[in-house]
Amino acid sequence: MKHPSNNGLFAYWNAQRGDRLAPERADIEPSAIRKLLGDTFVLEVDRFGAYPFRLAGTRLCALFGRELKTESFVRLWERAGQTAVRELLAVVTEEKTGVVASAAGATSDDTLLPVDLELLLLPLASESRADARILGALAPMTAPYWLGVRTVGPLEMGMFRHVGAAFDAAPAPRLRAATGRLKHGLTVYEGGRQD
């Protein structure tokens, strides 16, 4: 993760998660991440696979030039990539694993250079699939000068990797201290030939 908003959100989510695969929705306190809320969103896991926004931050809405609440997250992506985005969201929900990905978007009229974005998707635990939610953030790597004047068109997914409980680094193995004795600058180990 490269973007400060995504790093902060992941650290908070990870702290709330503790030893569980994912924190519950009730564990997420907006006031604790108030500086990150502009780039943050919550998606509903619906039976149609549209993944509508339940909440969307102001910077995120400014990027697309409209209020995103109730809009489909999947439809923000180019048509050719929507199936892959839907499948990625299903993995986040079903396997309770997070994803960080790169994305790119051009202005809706293609007159300006594309903007590079970083996407973070994190599962929230729930009792039933009907209550399932995904916490996320989508932030430009550098704020485009035209933000608020022009809007981003369909997004294109880049590389991604999984993050979270199943992908936490395993502790490094501990090495045992040598039990041999030092003789003339060399370590001599017991065993082998006895005269």
C-alpha atoms as a PDB file:
ATOM      1  CA  MET A   1       0.000   0.000   0.000  1.00  0.00           C
ATOM      2  CA  LYS A   2       1.327   3.369  -0.977  1.00  0.00           C
ATOM      3  CA  HIS A   3      -1.426   5.893  -0.244  1.00  0.00           C
ATOM      4  CA  PRO A   4      -1.586   7.303   3.321  1.00  0.00           C
ATOM      5  CA  SER A   5      -5.397   6.953   3.451  1.00  0.00           C
ATOM      6  CA  ASN A   6      -5.184   3.271   2.573  1.00  0.00           C
ATOM      7  CA  ASN A   7      -2.341   2.661   5.026  1.00  0.00           C
ATOM      8  CA  GLY A   8      -4.300   4.374   7.795  1.00  0.00           C
ATOM      9  CA  LEU A   9      -7.539   2.558   7.024  1.00  0.00           C
ATOM     10  CA  PHE A  10      -5.808  -0.821   6.843  1.00  0.00           C
ATOM     11  CA  ALA A  11      -4.001  -0.214  10.157  1.00  0.00           C
ATOM     12  CA  TYR A  12      -7.297   0.740  11.836  1.00  0.00           C
ATOM     13  CA  TRP A  13      -9.162  -2.248  10.313  1.00  0.00           C
ATOM     14  CA  ASN A  14      -6.336  -4.567  11.362  1.00  0.00           C
ATOM     15  CA  ALA A  15      -6.368  -3.237  14.943  1.00  0.00           C
ATOM     16  CA  GLN A  16     -10.156  -3.650  15.171  1.00  0.00           C
ATOM     17  CA  ARG A  17      -9.881  -7.149  13.710  1.00  0.00           C
ATOM     18  CA  GLY A  18      -7.564  -8.451  16.418  1.00  0.00           C
ATOM     19  CA  ASP A  19      -7.360 -12.254  16.114  1.00  0.00           C
ATOM     20  CA  ARG A  20     -10.485 -12.512  13.952  1.00  0.00           C
ATOM     21  CA  LEU A  21     -10.579 -12.753  10.160  1.00  0.00           C
ATOM     22  CA  ALA A  22     -12.429  -9.423   9.960  1.00  0.00           C
ATOM     23  CA  PRO A  23     -13.920  -6.872  12.361  1.00  0.00           C
ATOM     24  CA  GLU A  24     -17.674  -6.486  12.593  1.00  0.00           C
ATOM     25  CA  ARG A  25     -19.428  -3.456  11.182  1.00  0.00           C
ATOM     26  CA  ALA A  26     -20.163  -2.233  14.722  1.00  0.00           C
ATOM     27  CA  ASP A  27     -16.405  -2.232  15.481  1.00  0.00           C
ATOM     28  CA  ILE A  28     -15.769   0.532  12.936  1.00  0.00           C
ATOM     29  CA  GLU A  29     -16.052   3.953  14.560  1.00  0.00           C
ATOM     30  CA  PRO A  30     -16.064   6.788  11.983  1.00  0.00           C
ATOM     31  CA  SER A  31     -14.663   9.321  14.451  1.00  0.00           C
ATOM     32  CA  ALA A  32     -11.534   7.173  14.817  1.00  0.00           C
ATOM     33  CA  ILE A  33     -10.803   7.523  11.091  1.00  0.00           C
ATOM     34  CA  ARG A  34     -12.218  11.013  10.523  1.00  0.00           C
ATOM     35  CA  LYS A  35      -9.131  12.184   8.582  1.00  0.00           C
ATOM     36  CA  LEU A  36      -9.551   9.268   6.170  1.00  0.00           C
ATOM     37  CA  LEU A  37     -13.300   9.547   5.569  1.00  0.00           C
ATOM     38  CA  GLY A  38     -12.995  11.628   2.382  1.00  0.00           C
ATOM     39  CA  ASP A  39     -11.530   8.656   0.489  1.00  0.00           C
ATOM     40  CA  THR A  40     -13.473   5.955   2.338  1.00  0.00           C
ATOM     41  CA  PHE A  41     -16.607   4.058   1.354  1.00  0.00           C
ATOM     42  CA  VAL A  42     -18.825   1.202   2.510  1.00  0.00           C
ATOM     43  CA  LEU A  43     -20.371  -1.207   0.002  1.00  0.00           C
ATOM     44  CA  GLU A  44     -23.430  -3.374   0.476  1.00  0.00           C
ATOM     45  CA  VAL A  45     -23.185  -6.977  -0.683  1.00  0.00           C
ATOM     46  CA  ASP A  46     -26.421  -7.391  -2.645  1.00  0.00           C
ATOM     47  CA  ARG A  47     -27.859 -10.422  -4.421  1.00  0.00           C
ATOM     48  CA  PHE A  48     -27.558  -8.764  -7.845  1.00  0.00           C
ATOM     49  CA  GLY A  49     -23.783  -8.325  -7.649  1.00  0.00           C
ATOM     50  CA  ALA A  50     -23.999  -4.547  -8.090  1.00  0.00           C
ATOM     51  CA  TYR A  51     -22.357  -3.768  -4.727  1.00  0.00           C
ATOM     52  CA  PRO A  52     -24.080  -0.408  -4.148  1.00  0.00           C
ATOM     53  CA  PHE A  53     -22.425   2.289  -2.069  1.00  0.00           C
ATOM     54  CA  ARG A  54     -23.926   2.664   1.410  1.00  0.00           C
ATOM     55  CA  LEU A  55     -21.546   5.532   2.193  1.00  0.00           C
ATOM     56  CA  ALA A  56     -19.012   7.415   0.076  1.00  0.00           C
ATOM     57  CA  GLY A  57     -16.528  10.070   1.157  1.00  0.00           C
ATOM     58  CA  THR A  58     -16.534  13.605  -0.219  1.00  0.00           C
ATOM     59  CA  ARG A  59     -13.203  13.345  -2.087  1.00  0.00           C
ATOM     60  CA  LEU A  60     -14.391  10.123  -3.700  1.00  0.00           C
ATOM     61  CA  CYS A  61     -17.659  11.747  -4.788  1.00  0.00           C
ATOM     62  CA  ALA A  62     -15.724  14.782  -6.103  1.00  0.00           C
ATOM     63  CA  LEU A  63     -13.570  12.466  -8.201  1.00  0.00           C
ATOM     64  CA  PHE A  64     -16.671  11.211 -10.018  1.00  0.00           C
ATOM     65  CA  GLY A  65     -18.546  14.532  -9.855  1.00  0.00           C
ATOM     66  CA  ARG A  66     -21.642  13.154  -8.129  1.00  0.00           C
ATOM     67  CA  GLU A  67     -23.018  11.622  -4.951  1.00  0.00           C
ATOM     68  CA  LEU A  68     -22.283   7.889  -5.108  1.00  0.00           C
ATOM     69  CA  LYS A  69     -24.635   6.659  -2.380  1.00  0.00           C
ATOM     70  CA  THR A  70     -26.835   3.816  -3.756  1.00  0.00           C
ATOM     71  CA  GLU A  71     -24.852   3.732  -7.040  1.00  0.00           C
ATOM     72  CA  SER A  72     -23.253   0.481  -8.169  1.00  0.00           C
ATOM     73  CA  PHE A  73     -19.539   0.219  -7.388  1.00  0.00           C
ATOM     74  CA  VAL A  74     -19.146  -2.278 -10.234  1.00  0.00           C
ATOM     75  CA  ARG A  75     -20.471   0.219 -12.790  1.00  0.00           C
ATOM     76  CA  LEU A  76     -17.648   2.651 -11.995  1.00  0.00           C
ATOM     77  CA  TRP A  77     -15.366   0.277 -13.903  1.00  0.00           C
ATOM     78  CA  GLU A  78     -14.982  -0.168 -17.644  1.00  0.00           C
ATOM     79  CA  ARG A  79     -17.429  -2.714 -19.034  1.00  0.00           C
ATOM     80  CA  ALA A  80     -14.706  -5.230 -19.974  1.00  0.00           C
ATOM     81  CA  GLY A  81     -13.453  -5.332 -16.363  1.00  0.00           C
ATOM     82  CA  GLN A  82     -16.754  -5.425 -14.479  1.00  0.00           C
ATOM     83  CA  THR A  83     -16.864  -9.223 -14.189  1.00  0.00           C
ATOM     84  CA  ALA A  84     -13.350  -9.292 -12.726  1.00  0.00           C
ATOM     85  CA  VAL A  85     -14.261  -6.545 -10.233  1.00  0.00           C
ATOM     86  CA  ARG A  86     -17.407  -8.442  -9.221  1.00  0.00           C
ATOM     87  CA  GLU A  87     -15.369 -11.632  -8.704  1.00  0.00           C
ATOM     88  CA  LEU A  88     -12.770  -9.760  -6.657  1.00  0.00           C
ATOM     89  CA  LEU A  89     -15.504  -8.326  -4.417  1.00  0.00           C
ATOM     90  CA  ALA A  90     -16.945 -11.838  -3.973  1.00  0.00           C
ATOM     91  CA  VAL A  91     -13.535 -13.120  -2.840  1.00  0.00           C
ATOM     92  CA  VAL A  92     -13.259 -10.277  -0.306  1.00  0.00           C
ATOM     93  CA  THR A  93     -16.704 -11.127   1.063  1.00  0.00           C
ATOM     94  CA  GLU A  94     -16.576 -14.920   1.052  1.00  0.00           C
ATOM     95  CA  GLU A  95     -12.961 -15.516   2.029  1.00  0.00           C
ATOM     96  CA  LYS A  96     -12.737 -12.568   4.448  1.00  0.00           C
ATOM     97  CA  THR A  97      -9.533 -11.324   2.882  1.00  0.00           C
ATOM     98  CA  GLY A  98      -8.612  -7.789   1.923  1.00  0.00           C
ATOM     99  CA  VAL A  99      -7.343  -6.569  -1.432  1.00  0.00           C
ATOM    100  CA  VAL A 100      -5.164  -3.639  -2.423  1.00  0.00           C
ATOM    101  CA  ALA A 101      -5.097  -2.773  -6.123  1.00  0.00           C
ATOM    102  CA  SER A 102      -3.928  -0.151  -8.539  1.00  0.00           C
ATOM    103  CA  ALA A 103      -6.441   1.475 -10.847  1.00  0.00           C
ATOM    104  CA  ALA A 104      -6.440   4.144 -13.515  1.00  0.00           C
ATOM    105  CA  GLY A 105      -9.095   6.498 -14.739  1.00  0.00           C
ATOM    106  CA  ALA A 106      -9.161   9.140 -17.434  1.00  0.00           C
ATOM    107  CA  THR A 107     -11.356  12.198 -17.412  1.00  0.00           C
ATOM    108  CA  SER A 108     -14.807  11.352 -18.713  1.00  0.00           C
ATOM    109  CA  ASP A 109     -14.098  13.330 -21.900  1.00  0.00           C
ATOM    110  CA  ASP A 110     -10.560  11.830 -22.316  1.00  0.00           C
ATOM    111  CA  THR A 111      -8.994  15.277 -22.699  1.00  0.00           C
ATOM    112  CA  LEU A 112      -6.567  15.061 -19.774  1.00  0.00           C
ATOM    113  CA  LEU A 113      -3.960  12.566 -18.634  1.00  0.00           C
ATOM    114  CA  PRO A 114      -5.203   9.536 -16.687  1.00  0.00           C
ATOM    115  CA  VAL A 115      -5.097   9.603 -12.908  1.00  0.00           C
ATOM    116  CA  ASP A 116      -3.469   6.729 -10.997  1.00  0.00           C
ATOM    117  CA  LEU A 117      -5.497   5.488  -8.046  1.00  0.00           C
ATOM    118  CA  GLU A 118      -5.065   2.977  -5.255  1.00  0.00           C
ATOM    119  CA  LEU A 119      -7.996   0.838  -4.139  1.00  0.00           C
ATOM    120  CA  LEU A 120      -8.339  -0.920  -0.794  1.00  0.00           C
ATOM    121  CA  LEU A 121     -11.162  -3.409  -0.123  1.00  0.00           C
ATOM    122  CA  LEU A 122     -11.613  -4.887   3.368  1.00  0.00           C
ATOM    123  CA  PRO A 123     -14.298  -7.306   4.566  1.00  0.00           C
ATOM    124  CA  LEU A 124     -16.554  -6.631   7.525  1.00  0.00           C
ATOM    125  CA  ALA A 125     -17.868  -9.666   9.398  1.00  0.00           C
ATOM    126  CA  SER A 126     -21.622 -10.175   9.605  1.00  0.00           C
ATOM    127  CA  GLU A 127     -24.123 -12.720  10.861  1.00  0.00           C
ATOM    128  CA  SER A 128     -25.783 -13.143   7.481  1.00  0.00           C
ATOM    129  CA  ARG A 129     -24.988 -12.463   3.843  1.00  0.00           C
ATOM    130  CA  ALA A 130     -27.822  -9.904   3.794  1.00  0.00           C
ATOM    131  CA  ASP A 131     -25.871  -7.755   6.268  1.00  0.00           C
ATOM    132  CA  ALA A 132     -22.468  -8.208   4.615  1.00  0.00           C
ATOM    133  CA  ARG A 133     -20.464  -5.045   3.958  1.00  0.00           C
ATOM    134  CA  ILE A 134     -17.112  -4.116   2.481  1.00  0.00           C
ATOM    135  CA  LEU A 135     -15.082  -1.212   3.839  1.00  0.00           C
ATOM    136  CA  GLY A 136     -12.824   0.448   1.316  1.00  0.00           C
ATOM    137  CA  ALA A 137     -10.915   3.459   0.109  1.00  0.00           C
ATOM    138  CA  LEU A 138     -10.177   4.742  -3.374  1.00  0.00           C
ATOM    139  CA  ALA A 139      -7.683   7.569  -3.574  1.00  0.00           C
ATOM    140  CA  PRO A 140      -5.633   9.233  -6.304  1.00  0.00           C
ATOM    141  CA  MET A 141      -1.897   8.744  -5.826  1.00  0.00           C
ATOM    142  CA  THR A 142      -1.500  12.471  -6.467  1.00  0.00           C
ATOM    143  CA  ALA A 143      -4.492  14.790  -6.432  1.00  0.00           C
ATOM    144  CA  PRO A 144      -5.165  15.899 -10.016  1.00  0.00           C
ATOM    145  CA  TYR A 145      -5.293  19.657 -10.508  1.00  0.00           C
ATOM    146  CA  TRP A 146      -8.678  19.286 -12.217  1.00  0.00           C
ATOM    147  CA  LEU A 147     -10.328  17.539  -9.239  1.00  0.00           C
ATOM    148  CA  GLY A 148     -13.769  19.044  -8.756  1.00  0.00           C
ATOM    149  CA  VAL A 149     -13.785  20.622 -12.235  1.00  0.00           C
ATOM    150  CA  ARG A 150     -13.573  17.468 -14.357  1.00  0.00           C
ATOM    151  CA  THR A 151     -14.773  13.979 -13.497  1.00  0.00           C
ATOM    152  CA  VAL A 152     -13.205  10.554 -13.822  1.00  0.00           C
ATOM    153  CA  GLY A 153     -14.759   8.202 -16.347  1.00  0.00           C
ATOM    154  CA  PRO A 154     -14.765   4.395 -16.142  1.00  0.00           C
ATOM    155  CA  LEU A 155     -11.890   2.923 -14.134  1.00  0.00           C
ATOM    156  CA  GLU A 156      -9.454   0.282 -15.301  1.00  0.00           C
ATOM    157  CA  MET A 157      -8.151  -2.311 -12.811  1.00  0.00           C
ATOM    158  CA  GLY A 158      -4.401  -2.807 -12.530  1.00  0.00           C
ATOM    159  CA  MET A 159      -2.382  -5.205 -10.416  1.00  0.00           C
ATOM    160  CA  PHE A 160      -3.731  -6.386  -7.068  1.00  0.00           C
ATOM    161  CA  ARG A 161      -2.685  -8.419  -4.052  1.00  0.00           C
ATOM    162  CA  HIS A 162      -4.461  -9.867  -1.056  1.00  0.00           C
ATOM    163  CA  VAL A 163      -3.937  -8.522   2.470  1.00  0.00           C
ATOM    164  CA  GLY A 164      -5.289  -9.492   5.867  1.00  0.00           C
ATOM    165  CA  ALA A 165      -5.276 -12.366   8.338  1.00  0.00           C
ATOM    166  CA  ALA A 166      -4.520 -15.181   5.899  1.00  0.00           C
ATOM    167  CA  PHE A 167      -1.667 -13.203   4.364  1.00  0.00           C
ATOM    168  CA  ASP A 168       0.029 -11.838   7.480  1.00  0.00           C
ATOM    169  CA  ALA A 169       3.721 -12.614   7.398  1.00  0.00           C
ATOM    170  CA  ALA A 170       4.728 -15.708   9.326  1.00  0.00           C
ATOM    171  CA  PRO A 171       7.289 -15.046  12.041  1.00  0.00           C
ATOM    172  CA  ALA A 172      10.880 -15.645  11.008  1.00  0.00           C
ATOM    173  CA  PRO A 173      12.289 -18.950  12.270  1.00  0.00           C
ATOM    174  CA  ARG A 174      14.525 -18.685  15.303  1.00  0.00           C
ATOM    175  CA  LEU A 175      18.035 -19.988  14.891  1.00  0.00           C
ATOM    176  CA  ARG A 176      19.597 -22.037  17.663  1.00  0.00           C
ATOM    177  CA  ALA A 177      22.924 -20.936  18.996  1.00  0.00           C
ATOM    178  CA  ALA A 178      25.815 -23.156  17.972  1.00  0.00           C
ATOM    179  CA  THR A 179      26.740 -25.690  20.664  1.00  0.00           C
ATOM    180  CA  GLY A 180      30.271 -26.381  19.415  1.00  0.00           C
ATOM    181  CA  ARG A 181      33.517 -25.171  20.992  1.00  0.00           C
ATOM    182  CA  LEU A 182      35.868 -22.699  19.411  1.00  0.00           C
ATOM    183  CA  LYS A 183      39.358 -24.027  18.542  1.00  0.00           C
ATOM    184  CA  HIS A 184      41.879 -22.016  16.488  1.00  0.00           C
ATOM    185  CA  GLY A 185      39.142 -19.750  15.089  1.00  0.00           C
ATOM    186  CA  LEU A 186      36.959 -22.699  14.023  1.00  0.00           C
ATOM    187  CA  THR A 187      33.852 -24.123  15.673  1.00  0.00           C
ATOM    188  CA  VAL A 188      34.262 -27.805  16.519  1.00  0.00           C
ATOM    189  CA  TYR A 189      31.060 -29.823  16.890  1.00  0.00           C
ATOM    190  CA  GLU A 190      30.921 -33.034  18.897  1.00  0.00           C
ATOM    191  CA  GLY A 191      30.270 -36.247  17.000  1.00  0.00           C
ATOM    192  CA  GLY A 192      31.906 -38.101  14.188  1.00  0.00           C
ATOM    193  CA  ARG A 193      35.169 -39.997  14.614  1.00  0.00           C
ATOM    194  CA  GLN A 194      36.583 -40.577  18.107  1.00  0.00           C
ATOM    195  CA  ASP A 195      40.268 -41.662  18.504  1.00  0.00           C
END
